Amino acid sequence: MSSPSEDPVENAEGANGGMQPGRYYGRGIPYLPIGNYPGKLIAIEGTDGVGRSTQIQLLREWLEVKGYGVVETGWTRSELMQPTIELAKSSNTLNKLTFVLLYATDFADRLEKEVIPALKAGFVVLSDRYIFTALARAGVRGVDRQWLRTLYGFAIAPHMVFYLKVDVSTLIRRVLAARGMDFWESGMDLKQSDEIYDSFRAYQSKLLREYTSMADEFHFRVLDARRPVDHIQDELRRQVAAFLEPAEKPAEAALTR
């Protein structure tokens, strides 16, 4: 991504390696400069059917019991853009660049109205998918990867990114058992096959390779999504607690003096 609008802390490691968490990846939103906001941004990534939403819900409940204020956001949940995106998807006609820009607009709206205010107020923001979903989906469809990273330069680098990784065979079993395959999750727009099952396998295999490639680039914390739900949640809680609690200890020590 292009150089950030604010100087990164030297050697600070964020979601893309050298980027300081909580800062814009590139040229941020001009009228929304961000400083050292007290809130934390945690994203959970992975393709459809890996259990992201379940893990987000459990993690949110646990954090709230521990006394944290939590705000949840998710892919295509912008009140401004969600109806437009759903309408566009129902027609199965828009081209790949149009969809990229619709998703980017949805993300920008949520970033401005939900994420940044929550970080400024000190909340933990849990994001069910982040920009990496857009990068993976558009990358599979042949959109230039560097252009995509420049486009999303206005995004804020998360403090933690968890990637729920699964193999395509396990994914297929889960999707078939849950709700079946739909047009977009199966990549039918790519016209790889007339059969939705074959298209799903081919598309999701490519999508998983994109995520695997980004895992190194963006320093994902990779979790095995084939494990039981409670095992994954225990690992999420362990890592999140290790990240959040050290910041609290100096303040607690000062209060006890």
Protein backbone atom coordinates (compact mmCIF):
# COMPACT_ATOMS: atom_id res chain seq x y z
CA MET A 1 0.00 0.00 0.00
CA SER A 2 1.12 3.59 -0.42
CA SER A 3 2.84 5.58 2.30
CA PRO A 4 0.60 6.37 5.27
CA SER A 5 -0.64 9.85 5.90
CA GLU A 6 0.83 9.72 9.38
CA ASP A 7 4.35 8.53 10.16
CA PRO A 8 4.35 4.94 11.42
CA VAL A 9 6.16 4.01 14.58
CA GLU A 10 9.45 2.39 13.62
CA ASN A 11 9.33 -1.43 13.63
CA ALA A 12 5.68 -1.43 14.77
CA GLU A 13 3.92 -4.51 13.43
CA GLY A 14 0.37 -4.22 12.26
CA ALA A 15 -1.91 -6.17 9.95
CA ASN A 16 0.45 -5.71 7.00
CA GLY A 17 3.76 -6.19 8.77
CA GLY A 18 5.37 -2.76 8.91
CA MET A 19 2.21 -0.73 9.43
CA GLN A 20 1.34 0.59 12.86
CA PRO A 21 -2.06 -0.72 14.02
CA GLY A 22 -4.71 1.94 14.23
CA ARG A 23 -3.26 4.02 11.37
CA TYR A 24 -4.40 4.40 7.81
CA TYR A 25 -2.74 2.05 5.35
CA GLY A 26 -2.30 4.82 2.81
CA ARG A 27 -4.03 8.11 2.14
CA GLY A 28 -6.74 8.15 4.76
CA ILE A 29 -10.06 9.92 4.82
CA PRO A 30 -8.95 13.57 4.47
CA TYR A 31 -11.39 15.07 6.96
CA LEU A 32 -10.89 12.30 9.55
CA PRO A 33 -7.33 12.42 10.85
CA ILE A 34 -6.72 9.65 13.35
CA GLY A 35 -4.41 9.80 16.33
CA ASN A 36 -3.67 7.46 19.17
CA TYR A 37 -7.25 6.40 19.70
CA PRO A 38 -7.73 4.16 22.75
CA GLY A 39 -9.96 1.61 21.01
CA LYS A 40 -8.77 -1.61 19.39
CA LEU A 41 -9.76 -3.11 16.04
CA ILE A 42 -9.91 -6.91 15.76
CA ALA A 43 -10.91 -8.60 12.50
CA ILE A 44 -11.90 -12.21 11.89
CA GLU A 45 -11.48 -13.31 8.29
CA GLY A 46 -12.27 -16.40 6.28
CA THR A 47 -14.51 -17.57 3.49
CA ASP A 48 -18.22 -18.36 3.85
CA GLY A 49 -19.02 -21.32 6.08
CA VAL A 50 -15.97 -21.28 8.37
CA GLY A 51 -17.87 -20.04 11.44
CA ARG A 52 -16.79 -16.41 11.65
CA SER A 53 -20.13 -15.07 12.87
CA THR A 54 -20.38 -17.69 15.62
CA GLN A 55 -16.89 -16.88 16.87
CA ILE A 56 -17.57 -13.13 16.75
CA GLN A 57 -20.74 -13.56 18.82
CA LEU A 58 -19.01 -15.68 21.46
CA LEU A 59 -16.02 -13.36 21.60
CA ARG A 60 -18.26 -10.33 21.99
CA GLU A 61 -20.17 -11.89 24.87
CA TRP A 62 -16.92 -12.81 26.62
CA LEU A 63 -15.44 -9.33 26.20
CA GLU A 64 -18.58 -7.66 27.49
CA VAL A 65 -18.61 -9.89 30.58
CA LYS A 66 -15.01 -8.78 31.17
CA GLY A 67 -16.17 -5.17 31.10
CA TYR A 68 -15.15 -4.05 27.62
CA GLY A 69 -17.37 -1.91 25.45
CA VAL A 70 -17.75 -3.72 22.14
CA VAL A 71 -18.97 -2.58 18.72
CA GLU A 72 -19.51 -5.13 15.97
CA THR A 73 -19.36 -4.42 12.26
CA GLY A 74 -19.49 -6.68 9.25
CA TRP A 75 -19.30 -6.98 5.51
CA THR A 76 -21.98 -5.12 3.52
CA ARG A 77 -23.79 -3.88 6.63
CA SER A 78 -23.76 -0.20 5.69
CA GLU A 79 -27.27 1.22 5.85
CA LEU A 80 -26.32 3.40 2.89
CA MET A 81 -25.02 0.65 0.60
CA GLN A 82 -26.47 -2.69 1.70
CA PRO A 83 -29.75 -2.34 -0.27
CA THR A 84 -27.84 -1.33 -3.40
CA ILE A 85 -25.42 -4.23 -3.13
CA GLU A 86 -28.21 -6.74 -2.54
CA LEU A 87 -30.08 -5.39 -5.57
CA ALA A 88 -26.93 -5.58 -7.70
CA LYS A 89 -26.23 -9.15 -6.60
CA SER A 90 -29.79 -10.24 -7.35
CA SER A 91 -29.43 -9.23 -10.99
CA ASN A 92 -26.17 -11.19 -11.56
CA THR A 93 -25.24 -8.64 -14.23
CA LEU A 94 -22.79 -6.05 -12.86
CA ASN A 95 -19.12 -6.35 -13.78
CA LYS A 96 -16.29 -7.03 -11.33
CA LEU A 97 -15.01 -3.44 -11.07
CA THR A 98 -18.48 -2.13 -10.29
CA PHE A 99 -18.75 -4.59 -7.43
CA VAL A 100 -15.28 -3.66 -6.15
CA LEU A 101 -16.33 -0.01 -5.94
CA LEU A 102 -19.68 -0.84 -4.30
CA TYR A 103 -17.93 -2.89 -1.62
CA ALA A 104 -15.33 -0.16 -1.09
CA THR A 105 -18.11 2.41 -0.62
CA ASP A 106 -19.85 0.15 1.89
CA PHE A 107 -16.60 -0.23 3.81
CA ALA A 108 -15.87 3.51 3.74
CA ASP A 109 -19.35 4.31 5.09
CA ARG A 110 -18.99 1.88 7.99
CA LEU A 111 -15.45 3.05 8.70
CA GLU A 112 -16.58 6.66 9.01
CA LYS A 113 -19.84 6.09 10.88
CA GLU A 114 -19.08 3.04 13.03
CA VAL A 115 -15.42 2.08 13.30
CA ILE A 116 -13.62 5.39 13.78
CA PRO A 117 -16.13 6.79 16.33
CA ALA A 118 -15.93 3.53 18.29
CA LEU A 119 -12.11 3.53 18.31
CA LYS A 120 -12.10 7.16 19.37
CA ALA A 121 -14.43 6.32 22.27
CA GLY A 122 -12.27 3.42 23.44
CA PHE A 123 -14.38 0.47 22.26
CA VAL A 124 -13.13 -2.87 21.03
CA VAL A 125 -14.34 -3.13 17.44
CA LEU A 126 -14.97 -6.67 16.19
CA SER A 127 -15.13 -6.88 12.42
CA ASP A 128 -16.76 -9.90 10.76
CA ARG A 129 -14.58 -9.73 7.63
CA TYR A 130 -12.39 -6.77 6.77
CA ILE A 131 -10.76 -5.47 3.57
CA PHE A 132 -9.08 -8.83 3.03
CA THR A 133 -12.38 -10.30 1.84
CA ALA A 134 -12.50 -7.68 -0.90
CA LEU A 135 -8.85 -8.25 -1.82
CA ALA A 136 -9.35 -12.02 -2.06
CA ARG A 137 -12.59 -11.95 -4.04
CA ALA A 138 -11.43 -9.31 -6.49
CA GLY A 139 -8.01 -10.90 -6.83
CA VAL A 140 -9.60 -14.20 -7.87
CA ARG A 141 -11.57 -12.28 -10.50
CA GLY A 142 -8.41 -10.84 -12.02
CA VAL A 143 -8.49 -7.32 -10.62
CA ASP A 144 -4.99 -5.86 -10.28
CA ARG A 145 -3.78 -6.58 -6.74
CA GLN A 146 -1.71 -3.43 -6.34
CA TRP A 147 -4.61 -1.28 -7.53
CA LEU A 148 -6.83 -2.96 -4.93
CA ARG A 149 -4.37 -2.22 -2.13
CA THR A 150 -4.12 1.40 -3.23
CA LEU A 151 -7.93 1.65 -3.42
CA TYR A 152 -8.23 0.46 0.19
CA GLY A 153 -5.49 2.78 1.42
CA PHE A 154 -8.15 4.61 3.44
CA ALA A 155 -8.63 1.52 5.63
CA ILE A 156 -7.23 1.39 9.16
CA ALA A 157 -4.73 -1.36 9.94
CA PRO A 158 -6.33 -3.69 12.52
CA HIS A 159 -4.57 -4.48 15.77
CA MET A 160 -5.26 -8.19 15.27
CA VAL A 161 -6.43 -10.23 12.26
CA PHE A 162 -7.51 -13.83 12.80
CA TYR A 163 -7.92 -16.05 9.76
CA LEU A 164 -10.13 -19.12 10.12
CA LYS A 165 -8.52 -21.52 7.67
CA VAL A 166 -10.28 -24.56 6.25
CA ASP A 167 -9.77 -26.96 3.34
CA VAL A 168 -12.21 -26.93 0.45
CA SER A 169 -13.59 -30.44 1.11
CA THR A 170 -14.54 -29.57 4.68
CA LEU A 171 -16.01 -26.30 3.47
CA ILE A 172 -18.20 -28.05 0.92
CA ARG A 173 -19.61 -30.42 3.54
CA ARG A 174 -20.43 -27.53 5.86
CA VAL A 175 -22.09 -25.39 3.21
CA LEU A 176 -24.20 -28.26 1.91
CA ALA A 177 -25.29 -29.17 5.44
CA ALA A 178 -26.11 -25.56 6.36
CA ARG A 179 -27.79 -23.76 3.50
CA GLY A 180 -26.54 -24.95 0.14
CA MET A 181 -24.58 -23.10 -2.53
CA ASP A 182 -25.54 -19.78 -4.04
CA PHE A 183 -24.50 -17.97 -7.22
CA TRP A 184 -21.83 -15.64 -5.81
CA GLU A 185 -20.28 -17.96 -3.20
CA SER A 186 -19.88 -20.48 -6.00
CA GLY A 187 -18.21 -18.01 -8.36
CA MET A 188 -20.77 -18.71 -11.07
CA ASP A 189 -20.09 -15.27 -12.52
CA LEU A 190 -16.63 -16.53 -13.54
CA LYS A 191 -18.25 -19.15 -15.80
CA GLN A 192 -15.79 -21.86 -14.78
CA SER A 193 -18.52 -24.50 -14.98
CA ASP A 194 -22.23 -24.79 -15.64
CA GLU A 195 -22.53 -27.04 -12.57
CA ILE A 196 -22.76 -25.07 -9.31
CA TYR A 197 -20.95 -27.77 -7.31
CA ASP A 198 -17.94 -27.82 -9.65
CA SER A 199 -17.91 -24.03 -9.82
CA PHE A 200 -18.02 -23.77 -6.03
CA ARG A 201 -15.07 -26.13 -5.62
CA ALA A 202 -12.97 -24.33 -8.24
CA TYR A 203 -13.82 -20.85 -6.99
CA GLN A 204 -13.36 -21.57 -3.30
CA SER A 205 -10.05 -23.33 -3.99
CA LYS A 206 -8.77 -20.17 -5.66
CA LEU A 207 -10.19 -18.01 -2.89
CA LEU A 208 -8.44 -20.08 -0.21
CA ARG A 209 -5.15 -19.70 -2.09
CA GLU A 210 -5.63 -15.92 -2.08
CA TYR A 211 -6.15 -15.94 1.69
CA THR A 212 -3.09 -18.16 2.19
CA SER A 213 -1.01 -15.72 0.17
CA MET A 214 -2.27 -12.76 2.17
CA ALA A 215 -1.61 -14.53 5.48
CA ASP A 216 2.10 -13.76 5.14
CA GLU A 217 1.64 -10.32 3.61
CA PHE A 218 -0.73 -9.11 6.33
CA HIS A 219 0.52 -11.26 9.23
CA PHE A 220 -2.72 -13.11 9.88
CA ARG A 221 -3.03 -15.17 13.05
CA VAL A 222 -4.09 -18.44 11.45
CA LEU A 223 -6.52 -20.73 13.28
CA ASP A 224 -7.65 -24.17 12.14
CA ALA A 225 -11.37 -23.78 11.43
CA ARG A 226 -11.83 -27.56 11.34
CA ARG A 227 -11.49 -27.71 15.12
CA PRO A 228 -14.54 -27.67 17.44
CA VAL A 229 -16.15 -24.28 18.01
CA ASP A 230 -15.18 -24.14 21.69
CA HIS A 231 -11.53 -24.96 20.94
CA ILE A 232 -11.32 -22.12 18.41
CA GLN A 233 -13.02 -19.75 20.84
CA ASP A 234 -10.61 -20.67 23.65
CA GLU A 235 -7.67 -19.84 21.39
CA LEU A 236 -9.25 -16.56 20.30
CA ARG A 237 -9.84 -15.56 23.93
CA ARG A 238 -6.32 -16.52 24.93
CA GLN A 239 -4.71 -14.40 22.23
CA VAL A 240 -7.09 -11.45 22.63
CA ALA A 241 -6.62 -11.43 26.42
CA ALA A 242 -2.83 -11.51 26.02
CA PHE A 243 -3.10 -8.50 23.71
CA LEU A 244 -5.58 -6.41 25.70
CA GLU A 245 -4.57 -7.05 29.29
CA PRO A 246 -0.94 -5.85 29.27
CA ALA A 247 -2.19 -2.38 28.39
CA GLU A 248 -4.36 -2.41 31.52
CA LYS A 249 -1.71 -3.51 34.03
CA PRO A 250 0.26 -0.23 34.30
CA ALA A 251 -2.96 1.66 35.02
CA GLU A 252 -4.02 -0.92 37.60
CA ALA A 253 -0.63 -0.75 39.29
CA ALA A 254 -0.84 3.04 39.52
CA LEU A 255 -4.23 2.83 41.21
CA THR A 256 -2.93 0.48 43.90
CA ARG A 257 -0.07 2.75 44.94
